[in-house]
Amino acid sequence: MGEFFLKGIFKKAHDAGRFKIRFVQLREFATDRFSRVDDYPFGHRRGMILKADIIAEAISSIENYQDYRLLYTCPKGQVLTQSTLSAYLPPCPGIILLCGYYEGVDERIFTLFPFERISVGDVVLSSGELPALVVAEAIVRQLPGVLGNPESFADDSIISGVLESPQYTAPREFRDLAVPEVLLSGHHGHIATWKRKESLRQTLFKKPHLLVHSPLREGDSELLVEIMKEECHV
């Protein structure tokens, strides 16, 4: 999993000591000659689940694991949102993310350890690696010094309260589709107004619930009226 996570800005931040991450291989704690970490559940032989003894040994191998927050990605958990991420930031010293596999894990692990369940959505996957990477990235990018420009974080979709406006790069024209002229004008005021208007348009028609909780800026009401008139061809 390391090669999927430690790249780009995350690798630079990791190398600079902004955060530490360790990937624990469950097979290192297997005791049989086949290095098995899962088995059929009692009651039926359908699907496989991770063994409680293997998981317990892996967690216990982490120094001071008792001080960490333990997260397990599964559909039974609270759905991950940007607003819930703040709960997983410092002052807790770190986070242990457990990745499920196939049918999940032995239920006894939740009695032995104070795991919090967290979900990335109502979807079914064969393993928890991808959801764990999603959770890890969403948390790490909020840490100080990880993003090169702190304003990038504040301007992100969802965090800013609205979705981002469309973005364009070279070439100026591609298959008869041109970059909006206002972006080429060099007029910072007009560009800022266009971007805000398009952000409001994207949010209004794709995630309108965000506008309910996002405080409108001065001039937003007028822009929303303009958008509705344009969409209704008034």
C-alpha atoms as a PDB file:
ATOM      1  CA  MET A   1       0.000   0.000   0.000  1.00  0.00           C
ATOM      2  CA  GLY A   2       2.932   2.296   0.558  1.00  0.00           C
ATOM      3  CA  GLU A   3       3.500   2.888  -3.148  1.00  0.00           C
ATOM      4  CA  PHE A   4      -0.089   4.089  -3.531  1.00  0.00           C
ATOM      5  CA  PHE A   5       0.080   6.506  -0.620  1.00  0.00           C
ATOM      6  CA  LEU A   6       3.618   7.840  -0.459  1.00  0.00           C
ATOM      7  CA  LYS A   7       3.804   9.796  -3.688  1.00  0.00           C
ATOM      8  CA  GLY A   8       3.614  13.429  -4.738  1.00  0.00           C
ATOM      9  CA  ILE A   9       2.964  15.901  -1.937  1.00  0.00           C
ATOM     10  CA  PHE A  10       2.486  13.110   0.583  1.00  0.00           C
ATOM     11  CA  LYS A  11       5.917  11.627  -0.092  1.00  0.00           C
ATOM     12  CA  LYS A  12       7.523  15.065   0.186  1.00  0.00           C
ATOM     13  CA  ALA A  13       5.729  15.731   3.482  1.00  0.00           C
ATOM     14  CA  HIS A  14       6.641  12.269   4.786  1.00  0.00           C
ATOM     15  CA  ASP A  15      10.300  12.688   3.844  1.00  0.00           C
ATOM     16  CA  ALA A  16      10.283  16.100   5.537  1.00  0.00           C
ATOM     17  CA  GLY A  17       8.990  14.529   8.761  1.00  0.00           C
ATOM     18  CA  ARG A  18       5.541  16.132   8.684  1.00  0.00           C
ATOM     19  CA  PHE A  19       3.977  12.788   9.524  1.00  0.00           C
ATOM     20  CA  LYS A  20       4.931   9.151  10.003  1.00  0.00           C
ATOM     21  CA  ILE A  21       3.168   6.141   8.570  1.00  0.00           C
ATOM     22  CA  ARG A  22       3.793   2.422   8.987  1.00  0.00           C
ATOM     23  CA  PHE A  23       2.194  -0.449   7.113  1.00  0.00           C
ATOM     24  CA  VAL A  24       1.862  -3.593   9.228  1.00  0.00           C
ATOM     25  CA  GLN A  25       1.620  -6.879   7.331  1.00  0.00           C
ATOM     26  CA  LEU A  26      -0.706  -9.319   9.089  1.00  0.00           C
ATOM     27  CA  ARG A  27       1.090 -12.315   7.601  1.00  0.00           C
ATOM     28  CA  GLU A  28       4.085 -11.475   9.770  1.00  0.00           C
ATOM     29  CA  PHE A  29       1.985 -12.696  12.722  1.00  0.00           C
ATOM     30  CA  ALA A  30       0.690 -15.913  11.189  1.00  0.00           C
ATOM     31  CA  THR A  31       1.691 -19.084  13.022  1.00  0.00           C
ATOM     32  CA  ASP A  32       1.051 -21.868  10.507  1.00  0.00           C
ATOM     33  CA  ARG A  33       3.218 -22.906   7.586  1.00  0.00           C
ATOM     34  CA  PHE A  34       0.777 -21.388   5.098  1.00  0.00           C
ATOM     35  CA  SER A  35       0.910 -17.936   6.760  1.00  0.00           C
ATOM     36  CA  ARG A  36      -2.883 -17.835   6.928  1.00  0.00           C
ATOM     37  CA  VAL A  37      -4.477 -14.752   8.456  1.00  0.00           C
ATOM     38  CA  ASP A  38      -8.123 -15.627   7.721  1.00  0.00           C
ATOM     39  CA  ASP A  39     -10.479 -18.590   7.953  1.00  0.00           C
ATOM     40  CA  TYR A  40     -14.083 -19.610   7.297  1.00  0.00           C
ATOM     41  CA  PRO A  41     -16.589 -18.225   9.838  1.00  0.00           C
ATOM     42  CA  PHE A  42     -18.312 -20.648  12.197  1.00  0.00           C
ATOM     43  CA  GLY A  43     -21.883 -21.462  11.193  1.00  0.00           C
ATOM     44  CA  HIS A  44     -21.302 -21.557   7.451  1.00  0.00           C
ATOM     45  CA  ARG A  45     -18.412 -21.958   5.043  1.00  0.00           C
ATOM     46  CA  ARG A  46     -19.080 -18.919   2.897  1.00  0.00           C
ATOM     47  CA  GLY A  47     -16.506 -16.160   2.616  1.00  0.00           C
ATOM     48  CA  MET A  48     -13.467 -15.614   4.803  1.00  0.00           C
ATOM     49  CA  ILE A  49     -12.825 -13.360   7.800  1.00  0.00           C
ATOM     50  CA  LEU A  50      -9.623 -12.160   9.444  1.00  0.00           C
ATOM     51  CA  LYS A  51      -8.662 -14.036  12.603  1.00  0.00           C
ATOM     52  CA  ALA A  52      -8.888 -12.275  15.977  1.00  0.00           C
ATOM     53  CA  ASP A  53      -5.616 -13.710  17.280  1.00  0.00           C
ATOM     54  CA  ILE A  54      -3.680 -12.471  14.253  1.00  0.00           C
ATOM     55  CA  ILE A  55      -5.143  -8.968  14.470  1.00  0.00           C
ATOM     56  CA  ALA A  56      -4.561  -8.794  18.216  1.00  0.00           C
ATOM     57  CA  GLU A  57      -0.903  -9.712  17.823  1.00  0.00           C
ATOM     58  CA  ALA A  58      -0.438  -7.155  15.043  1.00  0.00           C
ATOM     59  CA  ILE A  59      -1.978  -4.346  17.097  1.00  0.00           C
ATOM     60  CA  SER A  60      -0.039  -5.289  20.222  1.00  0.00           C
ATOM     61  CA  SER A  61       3.197  -5.081  18.237  1.00  0.00           C
ATOM     62  CA  ILE A  62       2.689  -1.324  17.845  1.00  0.00           C
ATOM     63  CA  GLU A  63       4.434   0.576  20.625  1.00  0.00           C
ATOM     64  CA  ASN A  64       2.000   2.456  22.881  1.00  0.00           C
ATOM     65  CA  TYR A  65      -0.938   1.289  20.794  1.00  0.00           C
ATOM     66  CA  GLN A  66      -3.209   2.011  23.774  1.00  0.00           C
ATOM     67  CA  ASP A  67      -2.757   5.739  23.140  1.00  0.00           C
ATOM     68  CA  TYR A  68      -3.855   5.561  19.515  1.00  0.00           C
ATOM     69  CA  ARG A  69      -7.340   5.908  18.065  1.00  0.00           C
ATOM     70  CA  LEU A  70      -8.393   2.681  16.375  1.00  0.00           C
ATOM     71  CA  LEU A  71     -10.468   2.875  13.208  1.00  0.00           C
ATOM     72  CA  TYR A  72     -12.015   0.059  11.211  1.00  0.00           C
ATOM     73  CA  THR A  73     -13.471   0.749   7.776  1.00  0.00           C
ATOM     74  CA  CYS A  74     -16.785  -0.994   7.172  1.00  0.00           C
ATOM     75  CA  PRO A  75     -20.363  -0.211   6.012  1.00  0.00           C
ATOM     76  CA  LYS A  76     -21.630  -0.329   9.623  1.00  0.00           C
ATOM     77  CA  GLY A  77     -19.673   2.774  10.579  1.00  0.00           C
ATOM     78  CA  GLN A  78     -20.437   6.466  10.526  1.00  0.00           C
ATOM     79  CA  VAL A  79     -20.114   7.820   7.004  1.00  0.00           C
ATOM     80  CA  LEU A  80     -16.912   9.789   6.543  1.00  0.00           C
ATOM     81  CA  THR A  81     -17.438  13.507   5.917  1.00  0.00           C
ATOM     82  CA  GLN A  82     -15.096  16.441   6.000  1.00  0.00           C
ATOM     83  CA  SER A  83     -16.698  17.698   9.195  1.00  0.00           C
ATOM     84  CA  THR A  84     -16.141  14.387  11.034  1.00  0.00           C
ATOM     85  CA  LEU A  85     -12.446  14.281  10.134  1.00  0.00           C
ATOM     86  CA  SER A  86     -11.530  16.876  12.737  1.00  0.00           C
ATOM     87  CA  ALA A  87     -12.173  14.276  15.439  1.00  0.00           C
ATOM     88  CA  TYR A  88      -9.222  12.227  14.179  1.00  0.00           C
ATOM     89  CA  LEU A  89      -6.668  15.051  14.189  1.00  0.00           C
ATOM     90  CA  PRO A  90      -4.286  15.811  17.084  1.00  0.00           C
ATOM     91  CA  PRO A  91      -4.204  15.854  20.101  1.00  0.00           C
ATOM     92  CA  CYS A  92      -4.432  12.072  19.641  1.00  0.00           C
ATOM     93  CA  PRO A  93      -0.842  10.855  19.005  1.00  0.00           C
ATOM     94  CA  GLY A  94      -1.795   8.662  16.107  1.00  0.00           C
ATOM     95  CA  ILE A  95      -4.316   6.430  14.395  1.00  0.00           C
ATOM     96  CA  ILE A  96      -4.374   2.700  13.740  1.00  0.00           C
ATOM     97  CA  LEU A  97      -6.432   1.783  10.674  1.00  0.00           C
ATOM     98  CA  LEU A  98      -7.554  -1.833  10.350  1.00  0.00           C
ATOM     99  CA  CYS A  99      -8.364  -3.040   6.840  1.00  0.00           C
ATOM    100  CA  GLY A 100     -11.008  -5.729   6.601  1.00  0.00           C
ATOM    101  CA  TYR A 101     -10.870  -8.505   4.050  1.00  0.00           C
ATOM    102  CA  TYR A 102     -13.682 -10.279   2.174  1.00  0.00           C
ATOM    103  CA  GLU A 103     -16.385 -10.839   4.839  1.00  0.00           C
ATOM    104  CA  GLY A 104     -14.635  -8.736   7.483  1.00  0.00           C
ATOM    105  CA  VAL A 105     -13.022  -9.612  10.807  1.00  0.00           C
ATOM    106  CA  ASP A 106     -13.739 -11.778  13.860  1.00  0.00           C
ATOM    107  CA  GLU A 107     -16.245  -9.821  15.977  1.00  0.00           C
ATOM    108  CA  ARG A 108     -14.271 -10.468  19.161  1.00  0.00           C
ATOM    109  CA  ILE A 109     -11.694  -7.912  18.052  1.00  0.00           C
ATOM    110  CA  PHE A 110     -14.217  -5.158  18.807  1.00  0.00           C
ATOM    111  CA  THR A 111     -14.550  -6.400  22.392  1.00  0.00           C
ATOM    112  CA  LEU A 112     -10.804  -6.597  22.875  1.00  0.00           C
ATOM    113  CA  PHE A 113     -10.005  -3.201  21.367  1.00  0.00           C
ATOM    114  CA  PRO A 114     -11.935   0.104  21.272  1.00  0.00           C
ATOM    115  CA  PHE A 115     -12.351   0.272  17.514  1.00  0.00           C
ATOM    116  CA  GLU A 116     -14.484   2.993  15.950  1.00  0.00           C
ATOM    117  CA  ARG A 117     -16.180   1.958  12.731  1.00  0.00           C
ATOM    118  CA  ILE A 118     -16.035   4.366   9.812  1.00  0.00           C
ATOM    119  CA  SER A 119     -17.585   4.052   6.354  1.00  0.00           C
ATOM    120  CA  VAL A 120     -16.652   5.678   3.048  1.00  0.00           C
ATOM    121  CA  GLY A 121     -20.135   5.068   1.650  1.00  0.00           C
ATOM    122  CA  ASP A 122     -22.807   2.470   1.008  1.00  0.00           C
ATOM    123  CA  VAL A 123     -20.721   0.310  -1.296  1.00  0.00           C
ATOM    124  CA  VAL A 124     -19.433  -3.262  -1.083  1.00  0.00           C
ATOM    125  CA  LEU A 125     -15.722  -3.924  -1.662  1.00  0.00           C
ATOM    126  CA  SER A 126     -13.635  -7.077  -1.366  1.00  0.00           C
ATOM    127  CA  SER A 127     -11.143  -5.538   1.056  1.00  0.00           C
ATOM    128  CA  GLY A 128     -10.598  -2.490   3.214  1.00  0.00           C
ATOM    129  CA  GLU A 129      -7.336  -1.249   1.725  1.00  0.00           C
ATOM    130  CA  LEU A 130      -8.903   1.383  -0.520  1.00  0.00           C
ATOM    131  CA  PRO A 131     -11.260   2.777   2.152  1.00  0.00           C
ATOM    132  CA  ALA A 132      -8.332   2.894   4.596  1.00  0.00           C
ATOM    133  CA  LEU A 133      -6.252   4.836   2.083  1.00  0.00           C
ATOM    134  CA  VAL A 134      -9.143   7.263   1.578  1.00  0.00           C
ATOM    135  CA  VAL A 135      -9.427   7.853   5.329  1.00  0.00           C
ATOM    136  CA  ALA A 136      -5.656   8.166   5.744  1.00  0.00           C
ATOM    137  CA  GLU A 137      -5.274  10.684   2.920  1.00  0.00           C
ATOM    138  CA  ALA A 138      -8.220  12.782   4.087  1.00  0.00           C
ATOM    139  CA  ILE A 139      -6.660  13.011   7.554  1.00  0.00           C
ATOM    140  CA  VAL A 140      -3.016  13.490   6.560  1.00  0.00           C
ATOM    141  CA  ARG A 141      -3.681  16.321   4.103  1.00  0.00           C
ATOM    142  CA  GLN A 142      -5.102  18.380   6.975  1.00  0.00           C
ATOM    143  CA  LEU A 143      -1.893  18.179   9.010  1.00  0.00           C
ATOM    144  CA  PRO A 144       0.242  21.348   9.166  1.00  0.00           C
ATOM    145  CA  GLY A 145       2.929  21.488   6.502  1.00  0.00           C
ATOM    146  CA  VAL A 146       1.594  18.644   4.355  1.00  0.00           C
ATOM    147  CA  LEU A 147       0.108  20.827   1.628  1.00  0.00           C
ATOM    148  CA  GLY A 148       2.575  23.232   0.075  1.00  0.00           C
ATOM    149  CA  ASN A 149       0.068  26.086   0.071  1.00  0.00           C
ATOM    150  CA  PRO A 150      -2.272  26.208   3.099  1.00  0.00           C
ATOM    151  CA  GLU A 151      -4.814  28.165   1.031  1.00  0.00           C
ATOM    152  CA  SER A 152      -5.230  25.100  -1.190  1.00  0.00           C
ATOM    153  CA  PHE A 153      -6.886  23.295   1.692  1.00  0.00           C
ATOM    154  CA  ALA A 154      -9.264  26.160   2.491  1.00  0.00           C
ATOM    155  CA  ASP A 155     -10.287  26.490  -1.162  1.00  0.00           C
ATOM    156  CA  ASP A 156     -11.043  22.800  -1.656  1.00  0.00           C
ATOM    157  CA  SER A 157     -14.548  21.689  -2.536  1.00  0.00           C
ATOM    158  CA  ILE A 158     -16.681  20.859   0.516  1.00  0.00           C
ATOM    159  CA  ILE A 159     -14.236  22.581   2.913  1.00  0.00           C
ATOM    160  CA  SER A 160     -14.945  25.986   1.409  1.00  0.00           C
ATOM    161  CA  GLY A 161     -18.696  25.307   1.651  1.00  0.00           C
ATOM    162  CA  VAL A 162     -19.191  25.117  -2.112  1.00  0.00           C
ATOM    163  CA  LEU A 163     -17.879  23.006  -4.967  1.00  0.00           C
ATOM    164  CA  GLU A 164     -14.921  24.229  -6.984  1.00  0.00           C
ATOM    165  CA  SER A 165     -15.471  26.116 -10.217  1.00  0.00           C
ATOM    166  CA  PRO A 166     -14.434  24.436 -13.495  1.00  0.00           C
ATOM    167  CA  GLN A 167     -10.732  24.663 -14.330  1.00  0.00           C
ATOM    168  CA  TYR A 168      -8.929  24.773 -17.666  1.00  0.00           C
ATOM    169  CA  THR A 169      -5.385  24.606 -19.018  1.00  0.00           C
ATOM    170  CA  ALA A 170      -3.596  24.679 -22.406  1.00  0.00           C
ATOM    171  CA  PRO A 171      -4.509  24.440 -25.221  1.00  0.00           C
ATOM    172  CA  ARG A 172      -6.932  27.382 -25.315  1.00  0.00           C
ATOM    173  CA  GLU A 173      -9.064  25.567 -27.879  1.00  0.00           C
ATOM    174  CA  PHE A 174      -9.598  21.835 -28.157  1.00  0.00           C
ATOM    175  CA  ARG A 175     -12.087  20.195 -30.540  1.00  0.00           C
ATOM    176  CA  ASP A 176     -13.988  23.462 -30.971  1.00  0.00           C
ATOM    177  CA  LEU A 177     -14.211  23.939 -27.201  1.00  0.00           C
ATOM    178  CA  ALA A 178     -12.603  27.137 -25.944  1.00  0.00           C
ATOM    179  CA  VAL A 179     -11.505  28.247 -22.501  1.00  0.00           C
ATOM    180  CA  PRO A 180     -13.931  30.893 -21.154  1.00  0.00           C
ATOM    181  CA  GLU A 181     -12.692  34.306 -22.242  1.00  0.00           C
ATOM    182  CA  VAL A 182     -12.917  35.780 -18.765  1.00  0.00           C
ATOM    183  CA  LEU A 183     -10.128  33.459 -17.572  1.00  0.00           C
ATOM    184  CA  LEU A 184      -7.855  34.850 -20.284  1.00  0.00           C
ATOM    185  CA  SER A 185      -8.703  38.482 -19.592  1.00  0.00           C
ATOM    186  CA  GLY A 186      -6.194  39.067 -16.812  1.00  0.00           C
ATOM    187  CA  HIS A 187      -8.858  41.001 -14.873  1.00  0.00           C
ATOM    188  CA  HIS A 188      -8.611  39.524 -11.396  1.00  0.00           C
ATOM    189  CA  GLY A 189     -11.930  40.959 -10.210  1.00  0.00           C
ATOM    190  CA  HIS A 190     -13.902  39.567 -13.146  1.00  0.00           C
ATOM    191  CA  ILE A 191     -12.136  36.209 -12.825  1.00  0.00           C
ATOM    192  CA  ALA A 192     -12.932  36.000  -9.094  1.00  0.00           C
ATOM    193  CA  THR A 193     -16.604  36.810  -9.743  1.00  0.00           C
ATOM    194  CA  TRP A 194     -16.814  34.215 -12.530  1.00  0.00           C
ATOM    195  CA  LYS A 195     -15.216  31.545 -10.337  1.00  0.00           C
ATOM    196  CA  ARG A 196     -17.551  32.259  -7.438  1.00  0.00           C
ATOM    197  CA  LYS A 197     -20.584  32.213  -9.706  1.00  0.00           C
ATOM    198  CA  GLU A 198     -19.584  28.906 -11.269  1.00  0.00           C
ATOM    199  CA  SER A 199     -18.878  27.430  -7.829  1.00  0.00           C
ATOM    200  CA  LEU A 200     -22.376  28.406  -6.756  1.00  0.00           C
ATOM    201  CA  ARG A 201     -23.797  26.948  -9.980  1.00  0.00           C
ATOM    202  CA  GLN A 202     -21.996  23.631  -9.475  1.00  0.00           C
ATOM    203  CA  THR A 203     -23.140  23.451  -5.860  1.00  0.00           C
ATOM    204  CA  LEU A 204     -26.728  24.478  -6.535  1.00  0.00           C
ATOM    205  CA  PHE A 205     -27.308  21.745  -9.092  1.00  0.00           C
ATOM    206  CA  LYS A 206     -24.989  18.983  -7.866  1.00  0.00           C
ATOM    207  CA  LYS A 207     -24.894  19.264  -4.040  1.00  0.00           C
ATOM    208  CA  PRO A 208     -27.560  21.821  -3.035  1.00  0.00           C
ATOM    209  CA  HIS A 209     -27.525  20.643   0.592  1.00  0.00           C
ATOM    210  CA  LEU A 210     -24.137  22.319   1.018  1.00  0.00           C
ATOM    211  CA  LEU A 211     -25.709  25.733   0.491  1.00  0.00           C
ATOM    212  CA  VAL A 212     -28.017  25.141   3.445  1.00  0.00           C
ATOM    213  CA  HIS A 213     -25.073  25.018   5.842  1.00  0.00           C
ATOM    214  CA  SER A 214     -22.678  27.337   4.017  1.00  0.00           C
ATOM    215  CA  PRO A 215     -22.883  31.053   4.879  1.00  0.00           C
ATOM    216  CA  LEU A 216     -23.346  33.107   1.721  1.00  0.00           C
ATOM    217  CA  ARG A 217     -20.888  35.851   0.907  1.00  0.00           C
ATOM    218  CA  GLU A 218     -21.855  39.372  -0.018  1.00  0.00           C
ATOM    219  CA  GLY A 219     -23.129  39.295  -3.582  1.00  0.00           C
ATOM    220  CA  ASP A 220     -23.906  35.549  -3.613  1.00  0.00           C
ATOM    221  CA  SER A 221     -27.669  36.114  -3.585  1.00  0.00           C
ATOM    222  CA  GLU A 222     -27.419  38.217  -6.737  1.00  0.00           C
ATOM    223  CA  LEU A 223     -25.242  35.596  -8.407  1.00  0.00           C
ATOM    224  CA  LEU A 224     -27.722  32.839  -7.534  1.00  0.00           C
ATOM    225  CA  VAL A 225     -30.542  34.891  -9.066  1.00  0.00           C
ATOM    226  CA  GLU A 226     -28.463  35.315 -12.234  1.00  0.00           C
ATOM    227  CA  ILE A 227     -27.793  31.574 -12.340  1.00  0.00           C
ATOM    228  CA  MET A 228     -31.479  30.705 -12.026  1.00  0.00           C
ATOM    229  CA  LYS A 229     -32.387  33.170 -14.780  1.00  0.00           C
ATOM    230  CA  GLU A 230     -29.705  31.706 -17.066  1.00  0.00           C
ATOM    231  CA  GLU A 231     -30.798  28.143 -16.377  1.00  0.00           C
ATOM    232  CA  CYS A 232     -34.434  29.070 -16.957  1.00  0.00           C
ATOM    233  CA  HIS A 233     -33.469  31.083 -20.058  1.00  0.00           C
ATOM    234  CA  VAL A 234     -35.209  34.153 -18.681  1.00  0.00           C
END
